[in-house]
Protein backbone atom coordinates (compact mmCIF):
# COMPACT_ATOMS: atom_id res chain seq x y z
CA PRO A 1 8.32 -7.63 -13.28
CA LEU A 2 10.62 -4.73 -12.39
CA LEU A 3 9.25 -4.63 -8.85
CA VAL A 4 9.88 -8.37 -8.41
CA VAL A 5 13.46 -7.96 -9.64
CA LEU A 6 13.90 -5.10 -7.15
CA GLN A 7 12.57 -7.28 -4.34
CA LEU A 8 14.93 -10.15 -5.19
CA PHE A 9 18.14 -8.28 -5.94
CA LEU A 10 17.79 -5.11 -3.90
CA PRO A 11 20.80 -5.57 -1.59
CA SER A 12 23.08 -6.24 -4.53
CA ILE A 13 21.68 -3.28 -6.47
CA LEU A 14 22.10 -0.96 -3.47
CA ILE A 15 25.71 -2.03 -2.91
CA PHE A 16 26.46 -1.57 -6.63
CA ILE A 17 24.89 1.90 -6.83
CA SER A 18 25.59 3.39 -3.40
CA GLY A 19 28.21 1.28 -1.73
CA PRO A 20 28.03 -1.16 1.18
CA SER A 21 26.96 1.45 3.71
CA TYR A 22 23.41 1.52 2.21
CA GLU A 23 22.85 -2.25 2.28
CA ASN A 24 20.95 -2.02 5.57
CA ILE A 25 18.12 0.04 4.03
CA ALA A 26 17.12 -2.87 1.79
CA PRO A 27 14.34 -4.02 4.17
CA LEU A 28 12.88 -0.51 4.15
CA ILE A 29 12.82 -0.36 0.37
CA ARG A 30 11.39 -3.90 0.15
CA LEU A 31 8.48 -2.90 2.39
CA GLN A 32 7.95 0.26 0.38
CA VAL A 33 7.94 -1.69 -2.90
CA LEU A 34 5.44 -4.20 -1.41
CA SER A 35 3.24 -1.27 -0.36
CA MET A 36 3.37 0.14 -3.88
CA ILE A 37 2.54 -3.23 -5.45
CA ILE A 38 -0.62 -3.37 -3.31
CA ALA A 39 -1.50 0.24 -4.21
CA ILE A 40 -1.00 -0.48 -7.92
CA ALA A 41 -3.21 -3.57 -7.68
CA THR A 42 -5.93 -1.59 -5.89
CA ASN A 43 -6.05 1.52 -8.10
CA PRO A 44 -7.80 0.10 -11.19
CA ILE A 45 -10.58 -1.40 -9.10
CA GLY A 46 -10.97 1.89 -7.25
CA ILE A 47 -11.79 3.43 -10.64
CA VAL A 48 -14.79 1.07 -10.84
CA LEU A 49 -16.14 2.75 -7.71
CA LEU A 50 -15.85 6.11 -9.45
CA ILE A 51 -17.76 4.76 -12.40
CA TRP A 52 -20.46 3.52 -10.01
CA LYS A 53 -20.55 7.04 -8.50
CA LYS A 54 -19.42 5.83 -5.07
CA THR A 55 -17.21 8.86 -4.44
CA LYS A 56 -18.52 9.24 -0.91
CA ASP A 57 -17.36 5.73 -0.05
CA LEU A 58 -13.94 6.43 -1.59
CA ALA A 59 -13.70 9.68 0.37
CA LEU A 60 -14.51 7.86 3.62
CA LEU A 61 -11.88 5.24 2.80
CA ASN A 62 -9.29 7.97 2.20
CA ILE A 63 -10.19 9.68 5.49
CA ALA A 64 -9.89 6.35 7.33
CA GLN A 65 -6.52 5.71 5.67
CA PHE A 66 -5.34 9.18 6.64
CA CYS A 67 -6.33 8.64 10.26
CA VAL A 68 -4.61 5.26 10.41
CA VAL A 69 -1.40 6.58 8.81
CA MET A 70 -1.19 9.68 10.98
CA THR A 71 -1.93 7.84 14.23
CA LEU A 72 0.52 5.06 13.53
CA ASN A 73 3.18 7.52 12.35
CA PHE A 74 3.04 9.32 15.68
CA ILE A 75 3.39 5.99 17.49
CA LEU A 76 5.85 4.11 15.28
CA ILE A 77 8.27 6.67 13.90
CA PRO A 78 9.78 7.61 17.29
CA ARG A 79 10.14 3.92 18.16
CA LEU A 80 11.15 2.39 14.83
CA GLY A 81 12.52 5.22 12.72
CA GLY A 82 12.18 4.88 8.96
CA ILE A 83 10.39 1.55 9.04
CA GLY A 84 7.87 3.18 11.38
CA ALA A 85 6.91 5.48 8.51
CA ILE A 86 6.57 2.66 5.98
CA ILE A 87 4.47 0.28 8.08
CA PRO A 88 1.48 2.64 8.37
CA MET A 89 1.43 3.17 4.59
CA LEU A 90 1.58 -0.59 4.04
CA ILE A 91 -1.34 -1.05 6.44
CA ALA A 92 -3.35 1.74 4.72
CA HIS A 93 -2.78 0.16 1.28
CA ILE A 94 -3.77 -3.28 2.59
CA MET A 95 -6.87 -1.71 4.17
CA ALA A 96 -7.84 -0.07 0.86
CA PHE A 97 -7.19 -3.29 -1.08
CA ILE A 98 -9.46 -5.31 1.22
CA PHE A 99 -12.21 -2.68 1.30
CA ILE A 100 -12.30 -2.03 -2.45
CA TYR A 101 -12.15 -5.67 -3.51
CA TYR A 102 -14.77 -6.67 -0.95
CA TYR A 103 -17.01 -3.80 -2.02
CA VAL A 104 -16.74 -4.61 -5.71
CA LEU A 105 -17.12 -8.40 -5.27
CA THR A 106 -20.17 -7.89 -3.04
CA ARG A 107 -21.79 -5.58 -5.55
CA LEU A 108 -21.07 -7.96 -8.41
CA ALA A 109 -22.47 -10.89 -6.42
CA ASN A 110 -25.63 -8.87 -5.70
CA ALA A 111 -25.94 -7.96 -9.37
CA LYS A 112 -25.93 -11.66 -10.31
CA THR A 113 -28.81 -12.42 -7.94
CA GLU A 114 -30.98 -9.60 -9.29
């Protein structure tokens, strides 16, 4: 709920706390909050993979995320500035969300057929 309130009222909150000169960073913070929402939604399901002893798969996912973030940072930060640092993290969190949920749903579907 707090993250949703931040998303909706962020410009007003920024102006109230920091003054009007910080209003233009609202899109950056919105993207960062969205990225964190995805990460928070993914984390509990990632724990299921640990319980299933799939640490190698989680390690490979983390390596892939690292490579995506570093590559995109080198490309996007010089061109886009601050938003160029947030976009790769958002992509990495979406990537993890898709991988982990697909992995868990596939395994659960296979367990039903056994």
